[in-house]
Every structure is written in structure tokens, then in C-alpha cells.
Protein backbone atom coordinates (compact mmCIF):
# COMPACT_ATOMS: atom_id res chain seq x y z
CA MET A 1 -50.92 -16.51 18.62
CA ASN A 2 -50.28 -13.69 16.14
CA ASP A 3 -50.51 -14.16 12.66
CA SER A 4 -46.78 -13.41 12.33
CA ASP A 5 -46.25 -16.48 14.40
CA HIS A 6 -48.08 -19.04 11.90
CA GLY A 7 -45.85 -21.35 10.57
CA ARG A 8 -42.98 -20.10 12.37
CA VAL A 9 -40.30 -22.61 14.44
CA SER A 10 -39.04 -22.24 18.06
CA VAL A 11 -36.05 -24.48 18.13
CA VAL A 12 -35.11 -25.90 21.70
CA ILE A 13 -31.55 -27.52 22.27
CA PRO A 14 -30.55 -29.34 25.34
CA ALA A 15 -26.85 -29.04 25.92
CA ARG A 16 -24.60 -30.57 28.48
CA ASN A 17 -21.06 -30.37 27.77
CA GLU A 18 -21.09 -30.26 23.98
CA GLU A 19 -18.30 -27.71 23.37
CA ALA A 20 -17.29 -30.15 20.50
CA ASN A 21 -20.86 -29.89 18.94
CA ILE A 22 -22.69 -26.76 19.88
CA ALA A 23 -21.43 -24.22 17.33
CA ARG A 24 -22.23 -26.67 14.35
CA VAL A 25 -25.70 -27.03 15.49
CA VAL A 26 -26.75 -23.61 16.18
CA ARG A 27 -25.02 -22.57 12.74
CA SER A 28 -26.89 -25.32 10.94
CA ILE A 29 -30.22 -24.82 12.31
CA ALA A 30 -30.00 -20.99 12.89
CA ALA A 31 -29.80 -20.75 9.06
CA GLN A 32 -33.10 -22.48 8.41
CA GLU A 33 -35.83 -20.48 7.13
CA ARG A 34 -38.99 -19.96 9.56
CA VAL A 35 -36.82 -20.25 12.26
CA VAL A 36 -38.14 -17.54 14.79
CA GLU A 37 -35.67 -18.24 17.59
CA VAL A 38 -33.15 -20.84 18.55
CA ILE A 39 -33.04 -21.55 22.43
CA VAL A 40 -30.22 -23.44 23.67
CA VAL A 41 -30.50 -24.68 27.50
CA ASP A 42 -27.18 -25.02 28.94
CA ASP A 43 -27.55 -27.93 31.47
CA HIS A 44 -24.82 -27.41 34.04
CA SER A 45 -21.92 -27.86 31.29
CA GLU A 46 -18.48 -28.05 32.88
CA ASP A 47 -16.77 -27.68 29.57
CA GLY A 48 -16.60 -24.58 27.13
CA THR A 49 -20.17 -24.83 26.04
CA GLY A 50 -21.48 -21.63 27.68
CA ARG A 51 -18.35 -19.77 26.46
CA ILE A 52 -18.85 -20.89 22.94
CA LEU A 53 -22.57 -19.95 23.06
CA GLU A 54 -22.01 -16.69 24.48
CA GLY A 55 -19.56 -15.93 21.37
CA LEU A 56 -22.17 -17.17 19.02
CA LYS A 57 -25.00 -14.70 20.24
CA ALA A 58 -23.45 -11.83 18.44
CA GLU A 59 -23.43 -13.85 14.96
CA PHE A 60 -27.19 -15.12 15.41
CA PRO A 61 -29.48 -12.38 16.94
CA CYS A 62 -32.05 -15.31 17.12
CA LEU A 63 -30.13 -17.10 19.54
CA ARG A 64 -31.39 -17.27 23.10
CA LEU A 65 -29.26 -18.83 25.90
CA LEU A 66 -30.76 -20.07 28.94
CA ARG A 67 -29.25 -21.92 32.04
CA ALA A 68 -31.13 -24.71 33.64
CA GLU A 69 -31.90 -24.49 37.27
CA ALA A 70 -30.98 -27.37 39.52
CA LEU A 71 -32.29 -30.77 38.44
CA PRO A 72 -35.70 -31.64 40.38
CA ALA A 73 -36.05 -35.11 41.91
CA GLY A 74 -37.82 -37.35 39.49
CA TRP A 75 -36.61 -35.91 36.17
CA THR A 76 -34.17 -36.87 33.97
CA GLY A 77 -31.66 -34.14 32.56
CA LYS A 78 -32.73 -33.93 29.34
CA ALA A 79 -36.34 -33.77 29.84
CA HIS A 80 -35.89 -30.94 32.45
CA ALA A 81 -33.71 -29.06 29.92
CA VAL A 82 -36.16 -29.25 27.05
CA ALA A 83 -38.96 -28.24 29.63
CA THR A 84 -37.03 -25.42 30.56
CA GLY A 85 -36.56 -24.15 26.83
CA THR A 86 -40.24 -24.95 25.64
CA ARG A 87 -41.67 -22.70 28.59
CA VAL A 88 -40.26 -19.38 26.81
CA ALA A 89 -40.64 -20.74 23.23
CA SER A 90 -43.05 -18.57 21.20
CA GLY A 91 -43.41 -20.22 17.73
CA GLU A 92 -46.50 -22.14 16.60
CA TRP A 93 -44.13 -25.24 16.04
CA LEU A 94 -41.42 -26.51 18.32
CA LEU A 95 -38.28 -28.27 16.88
CA LEU A 96 -36.80 -30.41 19.83
CA THR A 97 -33.19 -31.37 18.46
CA ASP A 98 -30.17 -32.69 19.99
CA ALA A 99 -26.70 -30.71 20.21
CA ASP A 100 -24.90 -33.19 18.34
CA THR A 101 -27.09 -32.87 15.24
CA GLU A 102 -26.22 -30.92 11.90
CA HIS A 103 -29.27 -29.75 9.95
CA LEU A 104 -28.60 -29.87 6.30
CA PRO A 105 -29.68 -26.47 4.16
CA GLY A 106 -33.50 -26.57 3.62
CA SER A 107 -34.27 -29.29 5.72
CA LEU A 108 -36.66 -27.49 8.07
CA GLU A 109 -38.57 -25.80 5.45
CA THR A 110 -39.04 -29.23 3.54
CA LEU A 111 -39.94 -31.01 6.62
CA LEU A 112 -42.48 -28.49 7.91
CA ALA A 113 -44.16 -28.11 4.72
CA ARG A 114 -44.85 -31.81 4.78
CA ALA A 115 -46.23 -31.79 8.33
CA GLU A 116 -48.22 -28.80 7.52
CA SER A 117 -49.60 -30.31 3.96
CA GLU A 118 -50.39 -33.76 5.74
CA ASN A 119 -51.87 -32.17 8.63
CA VAL A 120 -49.19 -33.90 10.78
CA ASP A 121 -49.04 -33.22 14.80
CA LEU A 122 -45.74 -34.71 15.27
CA LEU A 123 -42.89 -35.27 12.96
CA SER A 124 -39.46 -37.17 13.65
CA VAL A 125 -36.83 -38.44 11.50
CA SER A 126 -34.05 -40.66 12.43
CA PRO A 127 -30.96 -38.76 11.39
CA GLY A 128 -28.18 -40.31 9.26
CA GLN A 129 -25.39 -41.20 11.28
CA GLU A 130 -21.81 -40.48 10.82
CA THR A 131 -19.65 -43.56 11.56
CA PRO A 132 -15.86 -42.74 10.97
CA THR A 133 -14.48 -45.65 13.22
CA ALA A 134 -14.79 -49.38 12.72
CA TRP A 135 -16.81 -50.06 15.87
CA GLU A 136 -19.28 -47.30 14.88
CA LYS A 137 -19.48 -48.69 11.49
CA SER A 138 -20.09 -52.10 12.93
CA VAL A 139 -22.80 -51.33 15.80
CA ILE A 140 -24.46 -48.04 14.85
CA PRO A 141 -25.99 -49.26 11.61
CA ARG A 142 -26.83 -52.63 13.05
CA VAL A 143 -28.94 -51.20 16.10
CA TYR A 144 -30.67 -48.95 13.49
CA VAL A 145 -31.85 -51.76 11.21
CA GLU A 146 -33.04 -53.40 14.13
CA LEU A 147 -34.93 -50.60 15.54
CA ALA A 148 -36.50 -50.01 12.14
CA LYS A 149 -37.91 -53.57 12.33
CA ARG A 150 -39.33 -52.69 16.18
CA PHE A 151 -40.44 -49.30 15.10
CA ARG A 152 -41.77 -49.50 11.49
CA PHE A 153 -42.18 -46.17 9.84
CA GLU A 154 -45.26 -47.13 8.11
CA ASP A 155 -47.06 -48.53 11.44
CA VAL A 156 -46.06 -45.46 13.42
CA SER A 157 -47.26 -43.22 10.74
CA ASP A 158 -50.38 -45.22 10.37
CA PRO A 159 -53.11 -43.57 12.62
CA ALA A 160 -54.90 -46.96 12.54
CA SER A 161 -51.85 -48.49 14.17
CA PRO A 162 -51.15 -48.58 17.96
CA ALA A 163 -47.49 -48.17 17.24
CA ALA A 164 -45.81 -45.32 18.07
CA ALA A 165 -42.29 -43.46 18.42
CA ALA A 166 -40.20 -40.76 17.73
CA ASN A 167 -36.34 -40.12 17.67
CA GLY A 168 -35.54 -37.17 20.11
CA GLN A 169 -32.65 -35.83 18.03
CA TYR A 170 -35.40 -34.41 15.79
CA ILE A 171 -38.91 -33.82 16.97
CA LEU A 172 -41.17 -31.30 15.09
CA ILE A 173 -44.33 -30.78 16.97
CA ARG A 174 -47.20 -28.41 17.16
CA ARG A 175 -47.04 -26.09 19.96
CA GLU A 176 -50.72 -26.60 21.11
CA VAL A 177 -50.41 -30.57 20.69
CA TYR A 178 -47.16 -30.65 22.93
CA GLU A 179 -48.90 -28.80 25.72
CA ARG A 180 -51.86 -30.81 25.41
CA ALA A 181 -49.85 -33.90 25.66
CA GLY A 182 -48.59 -32.27 28.96
CA GLY A 183 -44.95 -31.65 27.46
CA HIS A 184 -41.98 -32.84 28.96
CA ALA A 185 -43.14 -32.47 32.57
CA ALA A 186 -45.52 -35.63 31.49
CA VAL A 187 -42.50 -37.73 30.64
CA ARG A 188 -40.10 -36.24 33.14
CA ALA A 189 -38.86 -39.48 34.50
CA GLU A 190 -38.74 -41.42 31.39
CA ILE A 191 -35.40 -42.32 29.94
CA LEU A 192 -36.71 -42.71 26.52
CA GLU A 193 -38.85 -39.39 26.74
CA ASP A 194 -39.06 -39.12 22.83
CA VAL A 195 -40.80 -42.28 22.55
CA ALA A 196 -43.03 -41.81 25.48
CA LEU A 197 -43.87 -38.34 24.34
CA ALA A 198 -45.04 -39.87 20.81
CA ARG A 199 -47.32 -42.56 22.69
CA ARG A 200 -48.93 -39.58 24.48
CA VAL A 201 -49.54 -37.44 21.32
CA LYS A 202 -50.80 -40.67 19.33
CA GLY A 203 -52.90 -41.88 22.34
CA ALA A 204 -54.77 -38.69 22.42
CA GLY A 205 -55.68 -39.11 18.74
CA GLY A 206 -52.66 -37.16 17.48
CA LYS A 207 -51.05 -37.91 13.93
CA LEU A 208 -47.49 -38.79 13.55
CA LEU A 209 -45.27 -38.91 10.95
CA PHE A 210 -41.71 -40.78 11.27
CA LEU A 211 -39.18 -41.10 8.54
CA PRO A 212 -35.37 -42.03 7.85
CA GLY A 213 -33.67 -38.74 8.03
CA ALA A 214 -30.54 -39.12 6.28
CA PRO A 215 -31.48 -36.46 3.45
CA TRP A 216 -32.26 -33.80 5.97
CA VAL A 217 -30.13 -34.05 9.20
CA ARG A 218 -27.05 -35.95 10.42
CA THR A 219 -25.41 -36.83 13.83
CA ARG A 220 -22.48 -38.55 15.18
CA MET A 221 -24.07 -40.08 18.40
CA TYR A 222 -21.04 -41.53 20.25
CA PRO A 223 -17.63 -40.48 19.54
CA THR A 224 -16.16 -42.81 21.98
CA PHE A 225 -16.72 -46.63 22.79
CA ARG A 226 -17.25 -45.82 26.35
CA GLU A 227 -20.19 -43.42 25.46
CA MET A 228 -21.56 -45.66 23.09
CA TRP A 229 -21.36 -48.53 25.59
CA ARG A 230 -23.34 -46.40 28.23
CA GLY A 231 -25.68 -45.01 25.55
CA TRP A 232 -26.81 -48.23 24.15
CA THR A 233 -26.81 -49.73 27.93
CA LYS A 234 -29.19 -47.03 28.82
CA ASN A 235 -31.45 -47.46 25.92
CA LEU A 236 -31.66 -51.04 24.40
CA PHE A 237 -33.73 -52.76 27.14
CA LEU A 238 -36.36 -50.08 27.14
CA LEU A 239 -36.57 -49.97 23.39
CA TYR A 240 -37.44 -53.74 23.73
CA GLU A 241 -40.18 -52.54 26.13
CA ARG A 242 -38.31 -54.15 29.15
CA GLN A 243 -39.34 -57.81 27.87
CA LEU A 244 -36.60 -59.95 28.69
CA GLY A 245 -37.72 -62.68 26.36
CA ARG A 246 -37.50 -60.30 23.38
CA VAL A 247 -34.14 -59.16 24.38
CA LEU A 248 -32.93 -62.70 24.71
CA GLY A 249 -34.66 -63.62 21.44
CA LYS A 250 -32.98 -61.11 19.41
CA ALA A 251 -29.44 -61.98 20.90
CA ALA A 252 -30.18 -65.43 20.01
CA GLU A 253 -31.38 -64.63 16.40
CA LEU A 254 -28.27 -62.66 16.15
CA CYS A 255 -25.93 -65.53 17.12
CA VAL A 256 -27.89 -68.04 14.89
CA LEU A 257 -28.45 -65.93 11.79
CA ASP A 258 -25.06 -64.14 11.87
CA LEU A 259 -22.22 -65.74 13.99
CA LEU A 260 -23.20 -69.48 13.83
CA PRO A 261 -22.97 -69.56 10.09
CA ALA A 262 -19.68 -67.68 10.10
CA GLY A 263 -18.33 -69.65 12.79
CA ALA A 264 -19.30 -73.05 11.03
CA PHE A 265 -17.82 -71.97 7.34
CA ILE A 266 -14.44 -71.12 9.16
CA ALA A 267 -14.63 -74.42 10.97
CA LEU A 268 -15.53 -76.38 7.58
CA CYS A 269 -12.65 -74.50 5.86
CA ILE A 270 -10.34 -75.47 8.22
CA ALA A 271 -11.26 -79.05 7.97
CA MET A 272 -10.93 -79.00 4.28
CA ALA A 273 -7.55 -77.37 4.49
CA SER A 274 -6.36 -80.11 7.00
CA GLY A 275 -7.32 -82.76 4.79
CA ARG A 276 -10.47 -83.81 6.77
CA GLY A 277 -13.76 -84.45 5.76
CA GLY A 278 -15.12 -85.10 2.00
CA ALA A 279 -17.61 -83.88 -0.15
CA ALA A 280 -20.24 -83.45 2.47
CA THR A 281 -17.95 -80.95 3.97
CA VAL A 282 -17.51 -79.21 0.82
CA PHE A 283 -21.29 -78.99 0.37
CA ALA A 284 -21.82 -77.82 4.02
CA ALA A 285 -19.18 -74.85 3.49
CA LEU A 286 -20.67 -74.03 0.10
CA GLY A 287 -24.08 -73.89 1.87
CA CYS A 288 -22.87 -71.54 4.78
CA PHE A 289 -21.23 -69.32 2.22
CA PHE A 290 -24.16 -68.79 0.13
CA PHE A 291 -26.41 -68.24 3.15
CA MET A 292 -23.93 -65.69 4.64
CA LEU A 293 -23.84 -63.87 1.14
CA MET A 294 -27.62 -63.86 0.72
CA HIS A 295 -28.23 -62.52 4.50
CA GLN A 296 -25.40 -59.87 3.90
CA GLY A 297 -27.40 -58.88 0.91
CA ARG A 298 -30.68 -58.53 2.61
CA TYR A 299 -28.69 -56.43 5.51
CA ALA A 300 -27.27 -54.28 2.62
CA ARG A 301 -30.60 -53.56 1.26
CA ALA A 302 -31.95 -52.48 4.75
CA LEU A 303 -28.89 -50.27 5.18
CA ALA A 304 -29.77 -48.38 1.99
CA THR A 305 -33.44 -47.81 2.93
CA LEU A 306 -32.08 -45.90 6.13
CA GLY A 307 -29.64 -43.70 4.18
CA PHE A 308 -26.45 -45.74 5.21
CA GLU A 309 -23.77 -46.94 2.46
CA PRO A 310 -24.54 -50.38 1.67
CA SER A 311 -20.80 -51.17 1.74
CA LEU A 312 -21.31 -51.02 5.53
CA ALA A 313 -22.85 -54.50 5.32
CA ASN A 314 -19.24 -55.74 5.23
CA TYR A 315 -19.20 -54.86 9.12
CA GLN A 316 -22.35 -57.27 9.81
CA ILE A 317 -20.76 -60.03 11.65
CA PRO A 318 -18.69 -58.01 14.21
CA GLY A 319 -21.83 -55.68 14.39
CA ALA A 320 -24.16 -58.69 15.24
CA ALA A 321 -21.60 -59.85 17.85
CA LEU A 322 -21.37 -56.28 19.55
CA LEU A 323 -25.08 -55.96 19.38
CA ALA A 324 -25.91 -59.15 20.99
CA ILE A 325 -23.20 -58.30 23.89
CA LEU A 326 -24.98 -54.82 24.33
CA LEU A 327 -28.47 -56.26 24.33
CA LEU A 328 -27.15 -58.61 27.25
CA ASN A 329 -25.44 -56.16 28.97
CA SER A 330 -28.58 -53.57 28.94
CA ALA A 331 -30.87 -56.36 30.00
CA ARG A 332 -28.37 -57.53 33.07
CA VAL A 333 -28.42 -53.96 33.86
CA TYR A 334 -32.11 -53.39 34.18
CA VAL A 335 -33.09 -56.79 35.53
CA ARG A 336 -30.66 -56.39 38.30
CA GLY A 337 -32.07 -53.10 39.29
CA GLY A 338 -29.89 -50.10 40.22
CA LYS A 339 -28.91 -47.14 38.08
CA VAL A 340 -27.69 -46.21 34.75
CA ASN A 341 -25.02 -43.58 33.92
CA TRP A 342 -25.56 -40.89 31.41
CA LYS A 343 -23.58 -37.51 31.14
CA GLY A 344 -22.36 -37.80 34.61
CA ARG A 345 -25.85 -38.25 36.11
CA HIS A 346 -27.31 -41.51 37.41
CA TYR A 347 -31.04 -42.49 36.74
CA PRO A 348 -32.77 -45.40 38.48
CA THR A 349 -33.80 -48.47 36.08
CA LYS A 350 -37.33 -49.03 37.68
CA ASP A 351 -40.33 -48.85 35.41
CA HIS A 352 -42.12 -45.49 35.55
CA THR A 353 -44.67 -46.68 33.39
């Protein structure tokens, strides 16, 4: 490694049918300081992704465009595309990021400086989420609040804790650490390749730093309900470590703490409006109301810590209902076996661990 490469970053972006996003991510990341190259791996796109990238090459000399070879057996598409890009990367650091992200000005310089000052081997952030539609406002914040309980930032960042996680939308990793961990070849069959990579790094003694990322990166994960349904079906059961009891327990918790009080409150109000029930009904309705109010307040505070608008707590109840359904559907798909569908490819649901 030459001295000129010290502290410089090679960015690797896998892209498959990303014509709606690719220009935004390239422009936002190419403008960052300490970027030596932006390597975009076109993973057999069937839309205008390649054409847009060719047009951007004249605008950004640091842009390198690769085309992935045919997907080998036993690999996921993303893992193969990232491995293709990292093989030709030259920077001391690798930034692995998704095509649907936008990197805010100065974000890389800030996060890289923190990684270097704290001697971190892998830094990952959970990007701020754009949620323009009602169903996104309901589901996306709720999922991330629950994931923050499953993978606490403090635990992941604590070298003494066995907890390990990363968000594949933004992984900043020392090249030597990435190669020592086996790179994406070592996690080639993993649907949650980001979490698997973080576990390998931490298991080998590497230091992780996991942060809420709204001040630096943002994304809109699923622009359609169908994509959201497929995406969380693919991921949720794995995020709960394939443990059916945990998934069922979380679904039951959502029903008991969110849906049941709301249903009881509505039923009690109907009873009062129809003249049935007495003081006990009134007190029960008030109890449900205040419980819902306190529970919503806790949810709003949790949203704020992740960079969401606290007002999204107004979508708490439909979010709980949708998340419970998604959890059960993800469990159904994995328990029954078969395959999950993502970006036109089908992946087996069997355990690769």
C-alpha cells in the first residue's frame, strides 16, 4: 500500500435494476472527500442502469463500471457483485453501500475520522429512512425500532459483548480486515450477508462500531408494497436467528401491547355509546386509553433516537399489525422450506450456518 492510499476509500456499489436510484448515489458519494474510486458493479440489470452509468463516467472520472459475470452456484447476487467490486478496489478502506442510498455532504469524512480515531475495523450505520407513503410510515419505523432492540448499538459496539451486526446499506471496513475475514466469498450463500460479515470480523477480534445513521445517510428501502413484502419476508425470520419461538413471541407481544388495548378501547367506547355498562366500563376505557398513550409515548421516544420523526408514532397501531403479519409470513416461508424471491432471483431458505 502506497502512502498516497492511506486513509483513502474505495466505494463499492452493487446495482441490479437501479435506474431510479443510481445517479443519486453516485453523485452523492463521488462528491465525498477521501474517495479514491467509486466502483459500481452492474449485476445483470435489465433496465436503464447501465446506460445511466455510462453517462455518468464523463462527469465523474473516479467512477469505474464493472459488469458481474453469471451468478455462480451457491452465491447470492449481492454477495457476488460486492466480491466482484472489492477484488479490483485499491483503497485502504472499503465502503460497501447500496444503490438506493444517498450520502449527505461530509458524511464519509466524519465517519472515517471516527473509525480511525477509535481504531475501529468495521463501522456500520443504519441509514435514515424516507417514508413517503402511509404503509411505509407504519412498517419501516416499527421494524427498525424492533431491530434496535434485537441488535443494540451499544452491545454491537462493545468488544466485550458477543453481539455483532451491520447494515449492508453502509459498511465501512478496513481492507485488510475484510480480506482477513474472507470477504464476501466467506458469506456468499448468506441472505443476511451484512450480519454474517460483522460476526466474522468480531469473532476474529475486530472492533465494530454500529450507529444510527440518519445524520449521514438516507434511503428509501422499498418504493412499492410488493417489494416491502418480499424484502421483509426474506429478512425477518433470519433477523430473529431462525428461532420460531422468538418470532411467535414478538408477534404475540405486538398483539397484546398494541392491538389488544386498541381493540378493547373501541369495544368499550361502543358499549358506552350504546348505553351498556356502567362505571366499570368507563374506568376500563380510561385505563386502556392511558395505557395506549404511554405506550405511544415510549414508541415516539424510540423513534427519535433512530432519527425518525416522533410524529410517526401516530402510525403505531397499523405498524404493529403489519409487522405481526410480516413476521408470521416470514416464519411460514422459512419453516415450510423452499425459496425466497428477491430482484428476480430465488434463494433457498435452508440454514447455511
